[in-house]
């Protein structure tokens, strides 16, 4: 009786897990498409005149908020949250800074695609749990790609700041706003997780090969 109850709980939990991951993937896909369409629509009609940046810098006076107005743009610097917000009342001013917007959001779009592919691989792996096809080379590739996606996401997340750092630093210097670079960065992040998952994929591959050898022996 206890065994039947345990098996039933396992089946229910597995179904909830599979359904949850499936819903997460499709919800993420719909959200990504909606945001992408809205961003493209607003930019094409010249409506999108606001964006924000979280620079890898610390402003000298963390309690002071600075608002700068120049050339049709309003720049709000919030040292407490380490963010800069750009608002435009002139379409020409926005077009002048559109490369900054592109440098920020194009990598984010690629990150979104990578995240969707990661979720898809995870969904396909979880779909095979509880079946005879869980130990297969296709799952090895999917697990490996999950690790690769995490590493790629970490790399791409650094790209915006590499492009816009000279612009932000020049803006702060031009307005005599003191700043400093953080003493250290978190270099672990998704790198370590991605490498661990790739190593897990290799262990899983060896398990698949052992299973196949045992089946051939039998």
N, C-alpha and C. Protein backbone atom coordinates (compact mmCIF):
# COMPACT_ATOMS: atom_id res chain seq x y z
N UNK A 1 0.84 -1.20 0.00
CA UNK A 1 0.00 0.00 0.00
C UNK A 1 0.87 1.25 0.00
N UNK A 2 1.91 1.19 0.84
CA UNK A 2 2.83 2.33 0.93
C UNK A 2 3.57 2.53 -0.38
N UNK A 3 3.95 1.43 -1.03
CA UNK A 3 4.65 1.51 -2.31
C UNK A 3 3.76 2.13 -3.38
N UNK A 4 2.47 1.75 -3.40
CA UNK A 4 1.54 2.32 -4.37
C UNK A 4 1.37 3.81 -4.15
N UNK A 5 1.30 4.19 -2.89
CA UNK A 5 1.16 5.62 -2.57
C UNK A 5 2.39 6.40 -3.00
N UNK A 6 3.57 5.79 -2.79
CA UNK A 6 4.82 6.45 -3.20
C UNK A 6 4.89 6.59 -4.70
N UNK A 7 4.52 5.54 -5.43
CA UNK A 7 4.53 5.58 -6.90
C UNK A 7 3.55 6.62 -7.43
N UNK A 8 2.39 6.70 -6.80
CA UNK A 8 1.39 7.68 -7.23
C UNK A 8 1.91 9.11 -7.01
N UNK A 9 2.54 9.35 -5.85
CA UNK A 9 3.10 10.68 -5.57
C UNK A 9 4.19 11.04 -6.58
N UNK A 10 4.99 10.04 -6.94
CA UNK A 10 6.06 10.27 -7.91
C UNK A 10 5.48 10.62 -9.28
N UNK A 11 4.45 9.90 -9.69
CA UNK A 11 3.83 10.16 -11.00
C UNK A 11 3.21 11.55 -11.03
N UNK A 12 2.51 11.91 -9.95
CA UNK A 12 1.87 13.23 -9.88
C UNK A 12 2.93 14.34 -9.90
N UNK A 13 4.00 14.16 -9.11
CA UNK A 13 5.07 15.16 -9.06
C UNK A 13 5.73 15.32 -10.42
N UNK A 14 5.93 14.18 -11.10
CA UNK A 14 6.56 14.23 -12.42
C UNK A 14 5.68 14.94 -13.42
N UNK A 15 4.40 14.69 -13.36
CA UNK A 15 3.47 15.37 -14.27
C UNK A 15 3.44 16.87 -14.01
N UNK A 16 3.46 17.24 -12.74
CA UNK A 16 3.48 18.67 -12.39
C UNK A 16 4.75 19.33 -12.90
N UNK A 17 5.88 18.62 -12.74
CA UNK A 17 7.17 19.15 -13.21
C UNK A 17 7.15 19.35 -14.72
N UNK A 18 6.70 18.33 -15.45
CA UNK A 18 6.68 18.42 -16.92
C UNK A 18 5.73 19.52 -17.38
N UNK A 19 4.56 19.61 -16.76
CA UNK A 19 3.60 20.64 -17.13
C UNK A 19 4.15 22.03 -16.81
N UNK A 20 4.78 22.15 -15.66
CA UNK A 20 5.33 23.44 -15.25
C UNK A 20 6.41 23.93 -16.19
N UNK A 21 7.33 23.05 -16.58
CA UNK A 21 8.40 23.44 -17.50
C UNK A 21 7.83 23.79 -18.87
N UNK A 22 6.85 23.02 -19.33
CA UNK A 22 6.22 23.31 -20.62
C UNK A 22 5.54 24.68 -20.61
N UNK A 23 4.79 24.96 -19.55
CA UNK A 23 4.12 26.25 -19.43
C UNK A 23 5.13 27.39 -19.33
N UNK A 24 6.23 27.15 -18.61
CA UNK A 24 7.27 28.17 -18.48
C UNK A 24 7.88 28.49 -19.84
N UNK A 25 8.14 27.45 -20.65
CA UNK A 25 8.73 27.68 -21.97
C UNK A 25 7.80 28.50 -22.85
N UNK A 26 6.54 28.08 -22.95
CA UNK A 26 5.62 28.79 -23.85
C UNK A 26 5.31 30.19 -23.35
N UNK A 27 5.21 30.37 -22.03
CA UNK A 27 4.99 31.71 -21.48
C UNK A 27 6.19 32.62 -21.77
N UNK A 28 7.39 32.07 -21.63
CA UNK A 28 8.60 32.85 -21.92
C UNK A 28 8.69 33.21 -23.40
N UNK A 29 8.30 32.27 -24.26
CA UNK A 29 8.32 32.53 -25.71
C UNK A 29 7.34 33.64 -26.08
N UNK A 30 6.13 33.57 -25.53
CA UNK A 30 5.13 34.59 -25.81
C UNK A 30 5.56 35.95 -25.29
N UNK A 31 6.13 35.98 -24.09
CA UNK A 31 6.59 37.23 -23.50
C UNK A 31 7.73 37.83 -24.33
N UNK A 32 8.66 36.98 -24.75
CA UNK A 32 9.79 37.45 -25.56
C UNK A 32 9.29 38.05 -26.88
N UNK A 33 8.38 37.36 -27.55
CA UNK A 33 7.85 37.86 -28.82
C UNK A 33 7.10 39.17 -28.62
N UNK A 34 6.31 39.26 -27.54
CA UNK A 34 5.54 40.48 -27.28
C UNK A 34 6.46 41.67 -27.04
N UNK A 35 7.50 41.46 -26.23
CA UNK A 35 8.44 42.54 -25.94
C UNK A 35 9.19 42.95 -27.20
N UNK A 36 9.63 41.96 -27.99
CA UNK A 36 10.38 42.24 -29.21
C UNK A 36 9.53 43.03 -30.20
N UNK A 37 8.28 42.62 -30.38
CA UNK A 37 7.39 43.33 -31.30
C UNK A 37 7.12 44.75 -30.83
N UNK A 38 6.90 44.92 -29.52
CA UNK A 38 6.62 46.24 -28.98
C UNK A 38 7.82 47.17 -29.12
N UNK A 39 9.02 46.64 -28.83
CA UNK A 39 10.23 47.45 -28.96
C UNK A 39 10.43 47.88 -30.41
N UNK A 40 10.28 46.94 -31.34
CA UNK A 40 10.46 47.26 -32.76
C UNK A 40 9.42 48.27 -33.23
N UNK A 41 8.18 48.08 -32.79
CA UNK A 41 7.10 48.98 -33.19
C UNK A 41 7.36 50.39 -32.67
N UNK A 42 7.74 50.52 -31.41
CA UNK A 42 7.97 51.83 -30.81
C UNK A 42 9.15 52.55 -31.46
N UNK A 43 10.20 51.79 -31.78
CA UNK A 43 11.36 52.40 -32.42
C UNK A 43 11.05 52.85 -33.83
N UNK A 44 10.29 52.05 -34.58
CA UNK A 44 9.98 52.38 -35.97
C UNK A 44 9.11 53.62 -36.08
N UNK A 45 8.19 53.80 -35.13
CA UNK A 45 7.32 54.97 -35.20
C UNK A 45 7.88 56.15 -34.41
N UNK A 46 9.08 55.98 -33.85
CA UNK A 46 9.72 57.07 -33.12
C UNK A 46 9.09 57.38 -31.78
N UNK A 47 8.40 56.41 -31.22
CA UNK A 47 7.70 56.64 -29.95
C UNK A 47 8.59 56.32 -28.76
N UNK A 48 9.51 55.37 -28.93
CA UNK A 48 10.30 54.90 -27.79
C UNK A 48 11.44 55.89 -27.50
N UNK A 49 11.24 56.73 -26.51
CA UNK A 49 12.22 57.76 -26.19
C UNK A 49 12.70 57.65 -24.75
N UNK A 50 12.80 56.41 -24.29
CA UNK A 50 13.27 56.22 -22.91
C UNK A 50 14.00 54.89 -22.80
N UNK A 51 15.14 54.90 -22.12
CA UNK A 51 15.81 53.66 -21.77
C UNK A 51 16.72 53.92 -20.58
N UNK A 52 17.14 52.85 -19.92
CA UNK A 52 17.97 52.98 -18.73
C UNK A 52 19.19 52.08 -18.84
N UNK A 53 20.23 52.43 -18.06
CA UNK A 53 21.50 51.72 -18.08
C UNK A 53 21.92 51.46 -16.64
N UNK A 54 22.47 50.28 -16.39
CA UNK A 54 23.06 49.97 -15.09
C UNK A 54 24.56 49.79 -15.30
N UNK A 55 25.34 50.87 -15.19
CA UNK A 55 26.77 50.79 -15.48
C UNK A 55 27.55 50.09 -14.38
N UNK A 56 28.68 49.49 -14.76
CA UNK A 56 29.54 48.84 -13.78
C UNK A 56 30.47 49.87 -13.15
N UNK A 57 29.85 50.92 -12.62
CA UNK A 57 30.59 52.00 -11.98
C UNK A 57 29.88 52.39 -10.69
N UNK A 58 30.61 53.01 -9.80
CA UNK A 58 30.03 53.56 -8.58
C UNK A 58 30.24 55.07 -8.59
N UNK A 59 29.15 55.83 -8.43
CA UNK A 59 29.25 57.28 -8.40
C UNK A 59 29.78 57.71 -7.05
N UNK A 60 30.60 58.78 -7.05
CA UNK A 60 31.33 59.19 -5.84
C UNK A 60 30.41 59.53 -4.67
N UNK A 61 29.31 60.21 -4.94
CA UNK A 61 28.40 60.62 -3.87
C UNK A 61 27.11 59.80 -3.95
N UNK A 62 27.05 58.68 -3.24
CA UNK A 62 25.91 57.76 -3.40
C UNK A 62 24.58 58.31 -2.94
N UNK A 63 24.56 59.42 -2.19
CA UNK A 63 23.31 59.97 -1.69
C UNK A 63 22.76 61.08 -2.58
N UNK A 64 23.52 61.48 -3.58
CA UNK A 64 23.11 62.59 -4.44
C UNK A 64 22.52 62.06 -5.74
N UNK A 65 21.40 62.63 -6.13
CA UNK A 65 20.80 62.33 -7.42
C UNK A 65 21.05 63.51 -8.34
N UNK A 66 21.43 63.22 -9.55
CA UNK A 66 21.78 64.26 -10.51
C UNK A 66 20.89 64.15 -11.73
N UNK A 67 20.36 65.28 -12.16
CA UNK A 67 19.56 65.33 -13.38
C UNK A 67 20.21 66.31 -14.34
N UNK A 68 20.50 65.81 -15.54
CA UNK A 68 21.17 66.62 -16.55
C UNK A 68 20.24 66.78 -17.75
N UNK A 69 20.16 67.98 -18.28
CA UNK A 69 19.38 68.22 -19.48
C UNK A 69 20.28 68.84 -20.53
N UNK A 70 20.34 68.19 -21.68
CA UNK A 70 21.19 68.71 -22.75
C UNK A 70 20.74 68.13 -24.09
N UNK A 71 20.69 68.96 -25.08
CA UNK A 71 20.42 68.52 -26.45
C UNK A 71 19.17 67.69 -26.64
N UNK A 72 18.07 68.05 -25.99
CA UNK A 72 16.82 67.31 -26.18
C UNK A 72 16.71 66.03 -25.38
N UNK A 73 17.65 65.80 -24.48
CA UNK A 73 17.57 64.60 -23.66
C UNK A 73 17.69 64.96 -22.18
N UNK A 74 17.03 64.18 -21.37
CA UNK A 74 17.06 64.35 -19.91
C UNK A 74 17.71 63.10 -19.33
N UNK A 75 18.82 63.30 -18.61
CA UNK A 75 19.57 62.17 -18.05
C UNK A 75 19.46 62.24 -16.53
N UNK A 76 18.92 61.18 -15.97
CA UNK A 76 18.75 61.10 -14.51
C UNK A 76 19.72 60.06 -13.97
N UNK A 77 20.61 60.49 -13.08
CA UNK A 77 21.61 59.59 -12.49
C UNK A 77 21.21 59.30 -11.05
N UNK A 78 20.99 58.04 -10.75
CA UNK A 78 20.62 57.61 -9.41
C UNK A 78 21.75 56.76 -8.84
N UNK A 79 22.68 57.37 -8.08
CA UNK A 79 23.83 56.62 -7.56
C UNK A 79 23.44 55.48 -6.65
N UNK A 80 22.32 55.61 -5.93
CA UNK A 80 21.93 54.57 -4.98
C UNK A 80 21.68 53.24 -5.68
N UNK A 81 21.05 53.29 -6.86
CA UNK A 81 20.78 52.06 -7.60
C UNK A 81 21.76 51.86 -8.74
N UNK A 82 22.75 52.75 -8.84
CA UNK A 82 23.76 52.66 -9.90
C UNK A 82 23.11 52.58 -11.27
N UNK A 83 22.18 53.50 -11.54
CA UNK A 83 21.48 53.47 -12.81
C UNK A 83 21.44 54.86 -13.43
N UNK A 84 21.39 54.90 -14.74
CA UNK A 84 21.21 56.13 -15.50
C UNK A 84 20.00 55.95 -16.40
N UNK A 85 19.08 56.92 -16.36
CA UNK A 85 17.89 56.87 -17.18
C UNK A 85 17.93 58.00 -18.20
N UNK A 86 17.65 57.65 -19.45
CA UNK A 86 17.66 58.61 -20.55
C UNK A 86 16.24 58.80 -21.06
N UNK A 87 15.75 60.04 -21.03
CA UNK A 87 14.42 60.36 -21.56
C UNK A 87 14.59 61.45 -22.62
N UNK A 88 13.82 61.33 -23.71
CA UNK A 88 13.98 62.24 -24.84
C UNK A 88 12.66 62.90 -25.20
N UNK A 89 12.70 64.22 -25.41
CA UNK A 89 11.54 64.92 -25.92
C UNK A 89 11.77 65.38 -27.36
N UNK A 90 12.87 64.92 -27.93
CA UNK A 90 13.22 65.26 -29.30
C UNK A 90 13.65 63.98 -30.02
N UNK A 91 12.96 63.65 -31.10
CA UNK A 91 13.25 62.42 -31.84
C UNK A 91 14.67 62.43 -32.40
N UNK A 92 15.15 63.58 -32.82
CA UNK A 92 16.52 63.67 -33.37
C UNK A 92 17.56 63.36 -32.30
N UNK A 93 17.30 63.80 -31.08
CA UNK A 93 18.24 63.52 -29.98
C UNK A 93 18.27 62.02 -29.70
N UNK A 94 17.09 61.38 -29.77
CA UNK A 94 17.05 59.94 -29.55
C UNK A 94 17.79 59.20 -30.65
N UNK A 95 17.60 59.63 -31.90
CA UNK A 95 18.30 58.97 -33.00
C UNK A 95 19.81 59.12 -32.86
N UNK A 96 20.26 60.24 -32.31
CA UNK A 96 21.68 60.46 -32.09
C UNK A 96 22.25 59.45 -31.11
N UNK A 97 21.47 59.10 -30.09
CA UNK A 97 21.91 58.14 -29.07
C UNK A 97 21.38 56.73 -29.33
N UNK A 98 20.81 56.49 -30.49
CA UNK A 98 20.19 55.20 -30.76
C UNK A 98 21.20 54.06 -30.73
N UNK A 99 22.48 54.37 -31.02
CA UNK A 99 23.50 53.31 -30.97
C UNK A 99 23.69 52.80 -29.55
N UNK A 100 23.50 53.69 -28.55
CA UNK A 100 23.59 53.27 -27.16
C UNK A 100 22.46 52.32 -26.83
N UNK A 101 21.25 52.68 -27.29
CA UNK A 101 20.09 51.82 -27.09
C UNK A 101 20.31 50.46 -27.75
N UNK A 102 20.84 50.47 -28.98
CA UNK A 102 21.09 49.22 -29.70
C UNK A 102 22.15 48.38 -29.00
N UNK A 103 23.20 49.04 -28.49
CA UNK A 103 24.29 48.32 -27.81
C UNK A 103 23.79 47.64 -26.54
N UNK A 104 22.72 48.17 -25.96
CA UNK A 104 22.17 47.58 -24.73
C UNK A 104 21.19 46.46 -25.05
N UNK A 105 20.25 46.73 -25.96
CA UNK A 105 19.12 45.82 -26.11
C UNK A 105 19.31 44.73 -27.15
N UNK A 106 20.21 44.90 -28.11
CA UNK A 106 20.47 43.81 -29.05
C UNK A 106 21.09 42.61 -28.32
N UNK A 107 22.13 42.81 -27.47
CA UNK A 107 22.63 41.67 -26.69
C UNK A 107 21.56 41.05 -25.80
N UNK A 108 20.68 41.90 -25.23
CA UNK A 108 19.61 41.37 -24.39
C UNK A 108 18.67 40.48 -25.21
N UNK A 109 18.43 40.86 -26.47
CA UNK A 109 17.58 40.04 -27.34
C UNK A 109 18.23 38.68 -27.58
N UNK A 110 19.56 38.68 -27.81
CA UNK A 110 20.26 37.41 -28.00
C UNK A 110 20.21 36.58 -26.72
N UNK A 111 20.32 37.25 -25.57
CA UNK A 111 20.19 36.53 -24.30
C UNK A 111 18.81 35.88 -24.18
N UNK A 112 17.78 36.58 -24.63
CA UNK A 112 16.44 36.02 -24.60
C UNK A 112 16.32 34.77 -25.46
N UNK A 113 16.93 34.80 -26.65
CA UNK A 113 16.90 33.64 -27.54
C UNK A 113 17.65 32.46 -26.91
N UNK A 114 18.79 32.76 -26.30
CA UNK A 114 19.57 31.71 -25.65
C UNK A 114 18.78 31.09 -24.50
N UNK A 115 18.11 31.93 -23.73
CA UNK A 115 17.30 31.44 -22.60
C UNK A 115 16.18 30.54 -23.10
N UNK A 116 15.55 30.94 -24.21
CA UNK A 116 14.47 30.12 -24.77
C UNK A 116 15.00 28.77 -25.23
N UNK A 117 16.16 28.76 -25.87
CA UNK A 117 16.73 27.49 -26.33
C UNK A 117 17.11 26.61 -25.13
N UNK A 118 17.62 27.25 -24.07
CA UNK A 118 17.95 26.51 -22.84
C UNK A 118 16.69 25.85 -22.27
N UNK A 119 15.59 26.62 -22.21
CA UNK A 119 14.34 26.08 -21.69
C UNK A 119 13.83 24.94 -22.57
N UNK A 120 14.00 25.08 -23.89
CA UNK A 120 13.56 24.03 -24.80
C UNK A 120 14.33 22.74 -24.56
N UNK A 121 15.66 22.86 -24.41
CA UNK A 121 16.48 21.67 -24.13
C UNK A 121 16.08 21.04 -22.80
N UNK A 122 15.84 21.89 -21.79
CA UNK A 122 15.43 21.39 -20.48
C UNK A 122 14.09 20.68 -20.57
N UNK A 123 13.17 21.26 -21.33
CA UNK A 123 11.85 20.65 -21.51
C UNK A 123 11.98 19.27 -22.17
N UNK A 124 12.79 19.16 -23.21
CA UNK A 124 12.95 17.89 -23.92
C UNK A 124 13.57 16.82 -23.03
N UNK A 125 14.52 17.24 -22.15
CA UNK A 125 15.13 16.28 -21.23
C UNK A 125 14.10 15.81 -20.21
N UNK A 126 13.37 16.74 -19.62
CA UNK A 126 12.39 16.40 -18.59
C UNK A 126 11.26 15.56 -19.17
N UNK A 127 10.91 15.80 -20.44
CA UNK A 127 9.85 15.00 -21.08
C UNK A 127 10.20 13.52 -21.13
N UNK A 128 11.49 13.19 -21.12
CA UNK A 128 11.90 11.78 -21.21
C UNK A 128 12.05 11.12 -19.84
N UNK A 129 11.99 11.91 -18.77
CA UNK A 129 12.11 11.33 -17.42
C UNK A 129 10.89 10.45 -17.14
N UNK A 130 11.14 9.27 -16.61
CA UNK A 130 10.06 8.33 -16.34
C UNK A 130 9.73 7.46 -17.52
N UNK A 131 10.52 7.58 -18.63
CA UNK A 131 10.31 6.74 -19.81
C UNK A 131 11.57 5.92 -20.07
N UNK A 132 11.48 4.99 -21.00
CA UNK A 132 12.63 4.16 -21.34
C UNK A 132 13.66 4.90 -22.18
N UNK A 133 13.30 6.08 -22.69
CA UNK A 133 14.20 6.81 -23.58
C UNK A 133 14.98 7.92 -22.87
N UNK A 134 15.00 7.91 -21.54
CA UNK A 134 15.70 8.97 -20.82
C UNK A 134 17.21 8.88 -21.05
N UNK A 135 17.75 7.65 -21.11
CA UNK A 135 19.18 7.49 -21.33
C UNK A 135 19.44 7.36 -22.83
N UNK A 136 19.66 8.50 -23.46
CA UNK A 136 19.92 8.54 -24.88
C UNK A 136 20.91 9.67 -25.18
N UNK A 137 21.58 9.55 -26.33
CA UNK A 137 22.60 10.54 -26.68
C UNK A 137 21.99 11.91 -26.96
N UNK A 138 20.73 11.93 -27.37
CA UNK A 138 20.06 13.22 -27.60
C UNK A 138 19.99 14.02 -26.31
N UNK A 139 19.74 13.35 -25.18
CA UNK A 139 19.71 14.04 -23.90
C UNK A 139 21.10 14.50 -23.48
N UNK A 140 22.11 13.74 -23.85
CA UNK A 140 23.49 14.17 -23.57
C UNK A 140 23.75 15.50 -24.26
N UNK A 141 23.37 15.59 -25.55
CA UNK A 141 23.57 16.83 -26.30
C UNK A 141 22.76 17.97 -25.69
N UNK A 142 21.54 17.68 -25.27
CA UNK A 142 20.70 18.73 -24.69
C UNK A 142 21.27 19.26 -23.39
N UNK A 143 21.74 18.36 -22.53
CA UNK A 143 22.34 18.78 -21.26
C UNK A 143 23.60 19.59 -21.52
N UNK A 144 24.39 19.14 -22.51
CA UNK A 144 25.61 19.88 -22.86
C UNK A 144 25.27 21.29 -23.34
N UNK A 145 24.22 21.39 -24.16
CA UNK A 145 23.83 22.70 -24.67
C UNK A 145 23.28 23.61 -23.57
N UNK A 146 22.67 23.04 -22.56
CA UNK A 146 22.22 23.85 -21.43
C UNK A 146 23.42 24.53 -20.77
N UNK A 147 24.50 23.77 -20.56
CA UNK A 147 25.72 24.36 -20.00
C UNK A 147 26.32 25.41 -20.90
N UNK A 148 26.36 25.13 -22.22
CA UNK A 148 26.90 26.10 -23.17
C UNK A 148 26.06 27.38 -23.18
N UNK A 149 24.75 27.24 -23.11
CA UNK A 149 23.86 28.41 -23.10
C UNK A 149 24.12 29.30 -21.89
N UNK A 150 24.35 28.69 -20.73
CA UNK A 150 24.64 29.47 -19.53
C UNK A 150 25.93 30.27 -19.69
N UNK A 151 26.95 29.65 -20.28
CA UNK A 151 28.23 30.34 -20.49
C UNK A 151 28.07 31.45 -21.51
N UNK A 152 27.36 31.17 -22.62
CA UNK A 152 27.14 32.20 -23.64
C UNK A 152 26.35 33.38 -23.08
N UNK A 153 25.36 33.09 -22.24
CA UNK A 153 24.57 34.15 -21.63
C UNK A 153 25.43 35.05 -20.77
N UNK A 154 26.37 34.45 -20.05
CA UNK A 154 27.28 35.23 -19.20
C UNK A 154 28.18 36.12 -20.06
N UNK A 155 28.67 35.59 -21.17
CA UNK A 155 29.53 36.37 -22.07
C UNK A 155 28.76 37.55 -22.65
N UNK A 156 27.56 37.27 -23.16
CA UNK A 156 26.76 38.31 -23.81
C UNK A 156 26.33 39.39 -22.82
N UNK A 157 26.12 39.00 -21.56
CA UNK A 157 25.69 39.99 -20.57
C UNK A 157 26.75 41.07 -20.33
N UNK A 158 28.02 40.77 -20.66
CA UNK A 158 29.10 41.74 -20.47
C UNK A 158 29.27 42.67 -21.67
N UNK A 159 28.73 42.28 -22.83
CA UNK A 159 28.96 43.04 -24.05
C UNK A 159 28.44 44.48 -24.01
N UNK A 160 27.20 44.74 -23.51
CA UNK A 160 26.72 46.12 -23.54
C UNK A 160 27.66 47.10 -22.86
N UNK A 161 28.19 46.72 -21.70
CA UNK A 161 29.04 47.65 -20.97
C UNK A 161 30.35 47.90 -21.70
N UNK A 162 30.89 46.90 -22.39
CA UNK A 162 32.11 47.11 -23.17
C UNK A 162 31.92 48.17 -24.24
N UNK A 163 30.73 48.21 -24.84
CA UNK A 163 30.46 49.18 -25.91
C UNK A 163 30.17 50.58 -25.38
N UNK A 164 29.41 50.67 -24.29
CA UNK A 164 28.93 51.99 -23.86
C UNK A 164 29.77 52.62 -22.77
N UNK A 165 30.77 51.91 -22.23
CA UNK A 165 31.57 52.47 -21.15
C UNK A 165 32.22 53.80 -21.51
N UNK A 166 32.89 53.94 -22.69
CA UNK A 166 33.48 55.25 -23.03
C UNK A 166 32.45 56.38 -23.06
N UNK A 167 31.24 56.06 -23.55
CA UNK A 167 30.18 57.06 -23.62
C UNK A 167 29.75 57.51 -22.22
N UNK A 168 29.54 56.55 -21.33
CA UNK A 168 29.09 56.88 -19.97
C UNK A 168 30.17 57.61 -19.19
N UNK A 169 31.41 57.12 -19.29
CA UNK A 169 32.53 57.77 -18.59
C UNK A 169 32.71 59.20 -19.09
N UNK A 170 32.62 59.39 -20.43
CA UNK A 170 32.74 60.74 -20.98
C UNK A 170 31.63 61.65 -20.50
N UNK A 171 30.42 61.10 -20.38
CA UNK A 171 29.28 61.89 -19.90
C UNK A 171 29.48 62.32 -18.45
N UNK A 172 29.95 61.42 -17.61
CA UNK A 172 30.19 61.75 -16.21
C UNK A 172 31.30 62.78 -16.07
N UNK A 173 32.36 62.61 -16.82
CA UNK A 173 33.47 63.56 -16.75
C UNK A 173 33.05 64.93 -17.26
N UNK A 174 32.28 64.95 -18.32
CA UNK A 174 31.84 66.21 -18.91
C UNK A 174 31.02 67.03 -17.91
N UNK A 175 30.30 66.35 -17.03
CA UNK A 175 29.46 67.03 -16.05
C UNK A 175 30.07 67.03 -14.65
N UNK A 176 31.38 66.72 -14.58
CA UNK A 176 32.13 66.76 -13.31
C UNK A 176 31.51 65.89 -12.24
N UNK A 177 31.08 64.69 -12.63
CA UNK A 177 30.51 63.74 -11.68
C UNK A 177 31.55 62.67 -11.40
N UNK A 178 31.95 62.56 -10.13
CA UNK A 178 32.98 61.59 -9.76
C UNK A 178 32.45 60.17 -9.81
N UNK A 179 33.31 59.24 -10.15
CA UNK A 179 32.92 57.84 -10.24
C UNK A 179 34.13 56.97 -9.94
N UNK A 180 33.89 55.71 -9.70
CA UNK A 180 34.97 54.74 -9.48
C UNK A 180 34.51 53.39 -9.99
N UNK A 181 35.45 52.55 -10.36
CA UNK A 181 35.14 51.18 -10.78
C UNK A 181 35.09 50.29 -9.55
N UNK A 182 34.23 49.29 -9.54
CA UNK A 182 34.19 48.36 -8.40
C UNK A 182 35.54 47.71 -8.19
N UNK A 183 35.86 47.44 -6.95
CA UNK A 183 37.16 46.82 -6.64
C UNK A 183 37.25 45.41 -7.19
N UNK A 184 36.13 44.73 -7.30
CA UNK A 184 36.13 43.35 -7.78
C UNK A 184 34.82 43.06 -8.49
N UNK A 185 34.84 42.03 -9.31
CA UNK A 185 33.66 41.60 -10.04
C UNK A 185 33.37 40.15 -9.69
N UNK A 186 32.12 39.79 -9.83
CA UNK A 186 31.73 38.40 -9.64
C UNK A 186 32.03 37.63 -10.93
N UNK A 187 33.13 36.91 -10.93
CA UNK A 187 33.56 36.21 -12.14
C UNK A 187 33.05 34.77 -12.18
N UNK A 188 32.35 34.35 -11.13
CA UNK A 188 31.86 32.97 -11.11
C UNK A 188 30.57 32.89 -11.92
N UNK A 189 29.49 33.49 -11.38
CA UNK A 189 28.23 33.57 -12.10
C UNK A 189 27.83 32.28 -12.78
N UNK A 190 27.40 32.42 -14.03
CA UNK A 190 26.94 31.27 -14.81
C UNK A 190 28.10 30.45 -15.39
N UNK A 191 29.31 30.99 -15.34
CA UNK A 191 30.45 30.24 -15.87
C UNK A 191 30.59 28.89 -15.17
N UNK A 192 30.66 28.94 -13.83
CA UNK A 192 30.86 27.71 -13.06
C UNK A 192 29.68 26.76 -13.24
N UNK A 193 28.47 27.30 -13.18
CA UNK A 193 27.29 26.46 -13.36
C UNK A 193 27.29 25.79 -14.72
N UNK A 194 27.63 26.56 -15.76
CA UNK A 194 27.68 26.01 -17.11
C UNK A 194 28.72 24.91 -17.25
N UNK A 195 29.90 25.12 -16.67
CA UNK A 195 30.95 24.10 -16.73
C UNK A 195 30.54 22.84 -15.97
N UNK A 196 29.88 23.01 -14.83
CA UNK A 196 29.42 21.85 -14.06
C UNK A 196 28.38 21.05 -14.84
N UNK A 197 27.49 21.75 -15.54
CA UNK A 197 26.47 21.05 -16.32
C UNK A 197 27.10 20.31 -17.51
N UNK A 198 28.11 20.93 -18.13
CA UNK A 198 28.81 20.25 -19.22
C UNK A 198 29.51 19.00 -18.70
N UNK A 199 30.10 19.10 -17.49
CA UNK A 199 30.71 17.91 -16.88
C UNK A 199 29.65 16.86 -16.57
N UNK A 200 28.48 17.30 -16.11
CA UNK A 200 27.37 16.37 -15.84
C UNK A 200 26.94 15.67 -17.12
N UNK A 201 26.96 16.40 -18.24
CA UNK A 201 26.59 15.79 -19.53
C UNK A 201 27.56 14.68 -19.89
N UNK A 202 28.83 14.86 -19.58
CA UNK A 202 29.83 13.82 -19.87
C UNK A 202 29.58 12.59 -19.00
N UNK A 203 29.23 12.80 -17.72
CA UNK A 203 28.89 11.68 -16.85
C UNK A 203 27.66 10.95 -17.38
N UNK A 204 26.66 11.74 -17.82
CA UNK A 204 25.43 11.16 -18.37
C UNK A 204 25.74 10.37 -19.64
N UNK A 205 26.67 10.88 -20.47
CA UNK A 205 27.05 10.16 -21.70
C UNK A 205 27.65 8.79 -21.38
N UNK A 206 28.50 8.76 -20.35
CA UNK A 206 29.09 7.49 -19.96
C UNK A 206 28.02 6.53 -19.44
N UNK A 207 27.02 7.05 -18.74
CA UNK A 207 25.91 6.22 -18.28
C UNK A 207 25.11 5.65 -19.44
N UNK A 208 24.91 6.47 -20.49
CA UNK A 208 24.19 5.99 -21.68
C UNK A 208 24.97 4.86 -22.35
N UNK A 209 26.28 5.02 -22.47
CA UNK A 209 27.10 3.99 -23.11
C UNK A 209 27.12 2.70 -22.30
N UNK A 210 27.19 2.81 -20.97
CA UNK A 210 27.13 1.61 -20.12
C UNK A 210 25.80 0.90 -20.28
N UNK A 211 24.72 1.66 -20.36
CA UNK A 211 23.39 1.07 -20.54
C UNK A 211 23.32 0.32 -21.88
N UNK A 212 23.86 0.93 -22.92
CA UNK A 212 23.84 0.29 -24.23
C UNK A 212 24.70 -0.98 -24.24
N UNK A 213 25.84 -0.95 -23.57
CA UNK A 213 26.69 -2.13 -23.49
C UNK A 213 26.00 -3.26 -22.76
N UNK A 214 25.30 -2.92 -21.66
CA UNK A 214 24.58 -3.93 -20.89
C UNK A 214 23.46 -4.56 -21.73
N UNK A 215 22.77 -3.72 -22.54
CA UNK A 215 21.70 -4.25 -23.37
C UNK A 215 22.24 -5.19 -24.44
N UNK A 216 23.43 -4.85 -25.00
CA UNK A 216 24.04 -5.71 -26.00
C UNK A 216 24.51 -7.04 -25.38
N UNK A 217 25.01 -6.93 -24.12
CA UNK A 217 25.47 -8.15 -23.42
C UNK A 217 24.32 -9.10 -23.14
N UNK A 218 23.20 -8.52 -22.73
CA UNK A 218 22.02 -9.35 -22.43
C UNK A 218 21.50 -9.98 -23.72
